[in-house]
């Protein structure tokens, strides 16, 4: 199994777009990317916008080569309704999606309806994926039940994804913001993947949308996951990387993982690239050059 992170926060945009290749088929998960509309009171910088288009082009290329496209929920950093990535890129794909009508909040229901109407002209088949498994040769794609996007369901629900080719397992949590809840951990412990992609706790909003208690629950859950996944690789990237002090916040996790021979790294490190979270550098970018970027 080949796993390629296409666009992540550590690469300069808000995304978890991932390409998975098995001997049976090519799969792309959440083929989209976005930018923080405001950080430190500032809009995206020109350099951020350039990176967004660069990585979106990369996503588009891999989307065109995929047999199956998966959408775990309907936030714009996880699905693109044709704003940057052309909808024609979905031509002939099997599209597996989070249920657009059940276990979903109003905002995502509206976005889902618009997106699916647009993309329906191009895809070969639409599949509601929640809690289901699908088999392609030796490759199995399984989905969790809908779990909350974070500490509660205010932002809706997401579905976690397992790709199992009989030899290797990849599990992608989507936006669980931790994981902070036990129901978000269940799918991981059930399947025990060799590679886990998890977004991490929302520490950049600590004291606002994410409490110290939530952080402690996330640390507890991550330690339980590490204990169960000895010898594995965990790509911990997305929400966590938006906090410039994330390594200090989760120092306990990195030490615990090292002791148990679990590699906890960012998507950039997985690719052998330097970490470059541009939104964290937004003030510095504006100090060097006052150049607001235009996304659309």
Protein backbone atom coordinates (compact mmCIF):
# COMPACT_ATOMS: atom_id res chain seq x y z
CA UNK A 1 0.00 0.00 0.00
CA UNK A 2 1.25 3.45 -0.91
CA UNK A 3 0.07 6.43 1.16
CA UNK A 4 0.74 9.98 -0.07
CA UNK A 5 -0.33 13.04 1.95
CA UNK A 6 -1.25 15.59 -0.73
CA UNK A 7 -2.06 18.71 1.29
CA UNK A 8 -1.93 19.20 5.05
CA UNK A 9 -1.50 22.04 7.51
CA UNK A 10 2.20 21.19 7.86
CA UNK A 11 2.51 21.77 4.10
CA UNK A 12 0.96 25.24 4.30
CA UNK A 13 -2.82 24.88 3.87
CA UNK A 14 -5.80 23.61 5.82
CA UNK A 15 -6.36 20.11 4.51
CA UNK A 16 -5.99 16.39 5.11
CA UNK A 17 -6.15 15.34 1.46
CA UNK A 18 -4.64 11.87 1.14
CA UNK A 19 -4.02 9.49 -1.75
CA UNK A 20 -3.94 5.73 -1.17
CA UNK A 21 -2.87 3.18 -3.77
CA UNK A 22 -3.36 -0.57 -3.48
CA UNK A 23 -2.90 -3.27 -6.12
CA UNK A 24 -6.66 -3.07 -6.73
CA UNK A 25 -7.44 0.63 -6.99
CA UNK A 26 -6.51 4.26 -6.34
CA UNK A 27 -8.35 6.11 -3.57
CA UNK A 28 -8.38 9.79 -2.66
CA UNK A 29 -9.74 11.00 0.67
CA UNK A 30 -11.11 14.52 1.16
CA UNK A 31 -9.67 16.10 -2.03
CA UNK A 32 -9.79 19.75 -1.04
CA UNK A 33 -7.80 22.50 0.66
CA UNK A 34 -8.58 25.89 2.19
CA UNK A 35 -7.03 28.77 4.13
CA UNK A 36 -7.83 30.34 7.48
CA UNK A 37 -10.06 33.32 6.60
CA UNK A 38 -8.51 35.31 9.47
CA UNK A 39 -5.51 34.69 11.71
CA UNK A 40 -4.15 37.39 14.01
CA UNK A 41 -6.79 39.69 12.49
CA UNK A 42 -5.26 39.30 9.03
CA UNK A 43 -6.61 37.75 5.81
CA UNK A 44 -4.56 35.18 3.89
CA UNK A 45 -1.23 36.42 2.54
CA UNK A 46 -0.28 36.23 -1.12
CA UNK A 47 2.19 33.42 -0.37
CA UNK A 48 -0.57 31.38 1.32
CA UNK A 49 -2.84 31.77 -1.69
CA UNK A 50 -0.05 30.70 -4.03
CA UNK A 51 0.51 27.60 -1.88
CA UNK A 52 -3.21 26.86 -1.89
CA UNK A 53 -3.34 26.83 -5.68
CA UNK A 54 -0.12 24.82 -5.90
CA UNK A 55 -1.38 22.08 -3.58
CA UNK A 56 -4.89 22.15 -5.03
CA UNK A 57 -3.34 21.46 -8.43
CA UNK A 58 -1.56 18.49 -6.87
CA UNK A 59 -4.85 17.24 -5.41
CA UNK A 60 -6.58 17.64 -8.78
CA UNK A 61 -3.90 15.57 -10.50
CA UNK A 62 -4.29 12.69 -8.04
CA UNK A 63 -8.09 12.97 -8.05
CA UNK A 64 -8.10 12.45 -11.81
CA UNK A 65 -6.01 9.28 -11.33
CA UNK A 66 -8.29 7.88 -8.60
CA UNK A 67 -10.98 5.24 -8.95
CA UNK A 68 -12.70 6.10 -5.67
CA UNK A 69 -13.11 9.52 -4.04
CA UNK A 70 -14.17 9.80 -0.40
CA UNK A 71 -15.74 12.81 1.35
CA UNK A 72 -15.83 12.43 5.15
CA UNK A 73 -17.81 15.64 5.78
CA UNK A 74 -18.74 18.89 4.10
CA UNK A 75 -16.35 21.56 5.37
CA UNK A 76 -14.47 23.34 2.59
CA UNK A 77 -11.05 22.06 3.63
CA UNK A 78 -12.43 18.53 3.03
CA UNK A 79 -14.60 19.02 -0.06
CA UNK A 80 -14.39 21.52 -2.92
CA UNK A 81 -17.61 22.37 -4.81
CA UNK A 82 -15.61 23.45 -7.85
CA UNK A 83 -14.15 26.64 -6.40
CA UNK A 84 -10.54 25.69 -7.17
CA UNK A 85 -10.51 22.00 -8.11
CA UNK A 86 -12.66 21.48 -11.25
CA UNK A 87 -15.66 19.22 -10.77
CA UNK A 88 -14.72 17.48 -14.03
CA UNK A 89 -11.88 15.89 -12.03
CA UNK A 90 -14.54 13.56 -10.57
CA UNK A 91 -15.38 12.18 -14.00
CA UNK A 92 -16.07 8.43 -13.82
CA UNK A 93 -15.30 8.13 -10.09
CA UNK A 94 -17.14 6.14 -7.47
CA UNK A 95 -17.94 8.81 -4.86
CA UNK A 96 -18.31 7.59 -1.28
CA UNK A 97 -19.68 10.23 1.06
CA UNK A 98 -20.85 11.04 4.55
CA UNK A 99 -24.65 10.74 4.61
CA UNK A 100 -25.87 14.17 3.45
CA UNK A 101 -29.22 13.96 5.28
CA UNK A 102 -28.72 12.11 8.56
CA UNK A 103 -26.42 12.91 11.48
CA UNK A 104 -25.55 16.25 9.92
CA UNK A 105 -25.99 19.87 10.95
CA UNK A 106 -27.84 22.49 8.89
CA UNK A 107 -24.75 24.15 7.40
CA UNK A 108 -23.26 20.88 6.18
CA UNK A 109 -26.64 19.63 4.92
CA UNK A 110 -26.91 22.69 2.67
CA UNK A 111 -23.32 22.35 1.45
CA UNK A 112 -23.75 18.62 0.83
CA UNK A 113 -26.88 19.16 -1.23
CA UNK A 114 -25.20 21.76 -3.44
CA UNK A 115 -22.01 19.73 -3.89
CA UNK A 116 -23.74 16.46 -4.73
CA UNK A 117 -26.04 18.11 -7.27
CA UNK A 118 -23.01 19.62 -9.00
CA UNK A 119 -20.80 16.54 -8.96
CA UNK A 120 -23.59 14.14 -9.95
CA UNK A 121 -23.06 15.12 -13.59
CA UNK A 122 -19.58 13.57 -13.54
CA UNK A 123 -19.40 10.61 -11.15
CA UNK A 124 -20.19 7.02 -12.12
CA UNK A 125 -21.79 6.12 -8.78
CA UNK A 126 -22.75 7.79 -5.50
CA UNK A 127 -22.49 5.73 -2.31
CA UNK A 128 -23.62 6.72 1.19
CA UNK A 129 -20.76 5.28 3.21
CA UNK A 130 -21.65 5.62 6.91
CA UNK A 131 -21.03 2.38 8.87
CA UNK A 132 -20.48 0.35 5.68
CA UNK A 133 -17.70 -1.75 4.11
CA UNK A 134 -16.89 -2.20 0.42
CA UNK A 135 -14.61 -4.75 -1.23
CA UNK A 136 -12.51 -4.26 -4.38
CA UNK A 137 -10.46 -7.38 -5.01
CA UNK A 138 -8.25 -7.80 -1.95
CA UNK A 139 -8.88 -4.22 -0.80
CA UNK A 140 -11.55 -3.40 1.75
CA UNK A 141 -12.74 0.14 2.49
CA UNK A 142 -14.67 0.49 5.75
CA UNK A 143 -16.31 3.48 7.37
CA UNK A 144 -17.15 4.23 10.98
CA UNK A 145 -20.52 5.31 12.23
CA UNK A 146 -20.85 9.12 12.19
CA UNK A 147 -18.90 10.61 15.10
CA UNK A 148 -18.96 14.24 16.29
CA UNK A 149 -16.70 16.80 14.64
CA UNK A 150 -14.91 17.61 17.89
CA UNK A 151 -16.07 17.70 21.50
CA UNK A 152 -19.77 17.81 20.54
CA UNK A 153 -22.00 17.79 17.47
CA UNK A 154 -22.24 21.57 17.06
CA UNK A 155 -20.11 21.36 13.91
CA UNK A 156 -21.83 18.19 12.74
CA UNK A 157 -20.45 14.69 12.23
CA UNK A 158 -17.65 13.01 10.28
CA UNK A 159 -16.95 9.43 9.21
CA UNK A 160 -13.61 7.75 9.79
CA UNK A 161 -12.08 5.65 7.00
CA UNK A 162 -10.17 2.35 6.96
CA UNK A 163 -8.34 1.05 3.90
CA UNK A 164 -7.17 -2.57 4.32
CA UNK A 165 -5.45 -4.48 1.49
CA UNK A 166 -4.93 -7.64 3.53
CA UNK A 167 -1.33 -6.73 4.39
CA UNK A 168 -1.43 -3.09 5.46
CA UNK A 169 -4.05 -0.89 7.09
CA UNK A 170 -4.48 2.86 6.87
CA UNK A 171 -7.00 4.61 9.11
CA UNK A 172 -8.01 8.23 8.57
CA UNK A 173 -9.95 9.86 11.40
CA UNK A 174 -11.02 13.06 9.64
CA UNK A 175 -11.86 15.95 12.01
CA UNK A 176 -12.21 14.47 15.49
CA UNK A 177 -10.29 17.34 17.16
CA UNK A 178 -8.32 15.03 19.41
CA UNK A 179 -9.71 12.44 19.46
CA UNK A 180 -11.45 13.76 22.53
CA UNK A 181 -14.43 11.37 22.75
CA UNK A 182 -14.40 7.63 23.34
CA UNK A 183 -16.73 7.01 20.39
CA UNK A 184 -14.09 8.59 18.12
CA UNK A 185 -11.46 6.17 19.44
CA UNK A 186 -13.49 2.95 19.07
CA UNK A 187 -12.95 2.56 15.31
CA UNK A 188 -9.18 3.00 15.72
CA UNK A 189 -8.83 0.43 18.48
CA UNK A 190 -11.05 -2.01 16.61
CA UNK A 191 -8.87 -2.02 13.47
CA UNK A 192 -5.36 -1.24 14.85
CA UNK A 193 -3.91 0.30 11.67
CA UNK A 194 -0.24 0.38 10.73
CA UNK A 195 -0.66 4.00 9.62
CA UNK A 196 -3.05 6.34 11.42
CA UNK A 197 -3.85 9.84 10.17
CA UNK A 198 -5.39 11.94 12.94
CA UNK A 199 -6.01 15.68 13.12
CA UNK A 200 -5.06 16.20 16.78
CA UNK A 201 -6.49 18.41 19.52
CA UNK A 202 -7.67 21.95 18.82
CA UNK A 203 -5.07 23.59 21.06
CA UNK A 204 -4.91 26.83 19.06
CA UNK A 205 -8.42 27.49 20.40
CA UNK A 206 -7.60 26.47 23.97
CA UNK A 207 -9.83 28.39 26.37
CA UNK A 208 -12.27 29.28 23.61
CA UNK A 209 -13.70 26.29 21.73
CA UNK A 210 -11.41 23.77 23.43
CA UNK A 211 -10.97 23.45 27.19
CA UNK A 212 -8.07 22.20 29.28
CA UNK A 213 -10.29 19.26 30.19
CA UNK A 214 -10.73 18.49 26.47
CA UNK A 215 -6.96 18.57 26.04
CA UNK A 216 -6.42 16.15 28.92
CA UNK A 217 -9.01 13.78 27.43
CA UNK A 218 -7.24 13.98 24.08
CA UNK A 219 -3.89 13.17 25.66
CA UNK A 220 -5.42 10.22 27.49
CA UNK A 221 -7.01 8.92 24.28
CA UNK A 222 -3.86 9.41 22.22
CA UNK A 223 -1.84 7.48 24.81
CA UNK A 224 -4.38 4.65 24.66
CA UNK A 225 -4.08 4.62 20.87
CA UNK A 226 -0.28 4.63 20.99
CA UNK A 227 -0.34 1.73 23.46
CA UNK A 228 -2.51 -0.25 21.02
CA UNK A 229 -0.47 0.65 17.92
CA UNK A 230 3.08 -0.23 18.99
CA UNK A 231 5.47 -0.11 16.05
CA UNK A 232 3.08 1.91 13.88
CA UNK A 233 3.21 5.37 12.31
CA UNK A 234 0.85 8.15 13.36
CA UNK A 235 0.57 11.20 11.12
CA UNK A 236 -0.63 13.79 13.63
CA UNK A 237 -1.47 16.81 11.50
CA UNK A 238 -4.25 19.29 10.77
CA UNK A 239 -5.88 21.10 13.72
CA UNK A 240 -2.92 20.53 16.06
CA UNK A 241 -0.37 22.15 13.75
CA UNK A 242 -2.21 25.50 13.87
CA UNK A 243 -0.72 26.00 17.34
CA UNK A 244 2.90 27.15 17.05
CA UNK A 245 3.59 25.54 20.43
CA UNK A 246 2.02 22.19 19.60
CA UNK A 247 5.11 20.12 20.44
CA UNK A 248 5.25 21.59 23.94
CA UNK A 249 1.51 21.08 24.42
CA UNK A 250 1.85 17.40 23.51
CA UNK A 251 5.37 16.79 24.81
CA UNK A 252 4.00 13.93 26.91
CA UNK A 253 2.60 12.25 23.79
CA UNK A 254 5.80 12.49 21.76
CA UNK A 255 7.83 11.04 24.63
CA UNK A 256 5.33 8.26 25.26
CA UNK A 257 5.25 7.34 21.58
CA UNK A 258 9.03 7.22 21.34
CA UNK A 259 9.20 4.84 24.30
CA UNK A 260 6.74 2.49 22.59
CA UNK A 261 8.39 2.69 19.14
CA UNK A 262 5.48 4.56 17.61
CA UNK A 263 6.51 7.19 15.09
CA UNK A 264 4.42 10.35 15.60
CA UNK A 265 5.13 12.83 12.82
CA UNK A 266 3.53 15.49 10.64
CA UNK A 267 2.56 14.90 7.02
CA UNK A 268 5.50 17.06 5.94
CA UNK A 269 7.92 14.93 7.96
CA UNK A 270 6.35 11.77 6.52
CA UNK A 271 7.20 13.13 3.06
CA UNK A 272 10.70 14.16 4.13
CA UNK A 273 9.85 17.87 3.85
CA UNK A 274 10.22 20.74 6.36
CA UNK A 275 7.16 21.75 8.37
CA UNK A 276 5.76 24.98 6.93
CA UNK A 277 2.50 26.01 8.61
CA UNK A 278 1.98 29.28 6.78
CA UNK A 279 -1.05 30.49 8.72
CA UNK A 280 1.01 30.45 11.93
CA UNK A 281 3.54 32.68 10.12
CA UNK A 282 0.91 35.09 8.79
CA UNK A 283 2.03 38.07 10.90
CA UNK A 284 5.64 37.52 9.82
CA UNK A 285 4.60 37.30 6.18
CA UNK A 286 2.78 40.63 6.43
CA UNK A 287 5.73 42.24 8.23
CA UNK A 288 7.96 41.29 5.30
CA UNK A 289 5.43 42.24 2.62
CA UNK A 290 1.96 43.74 2.90
CA UNK A 291 0.36 41.58 0.24
CA UNK A 292 -3.15 40.27 0.91
CA UNK A 293 -3.97 37.37 -1.36
CA UNK A 294 -7.12 36.88 -3.38
CA UNK A 295 -8.41 33.30 -3.25
CA UNK A 296 -11.22 33.43 -5.84
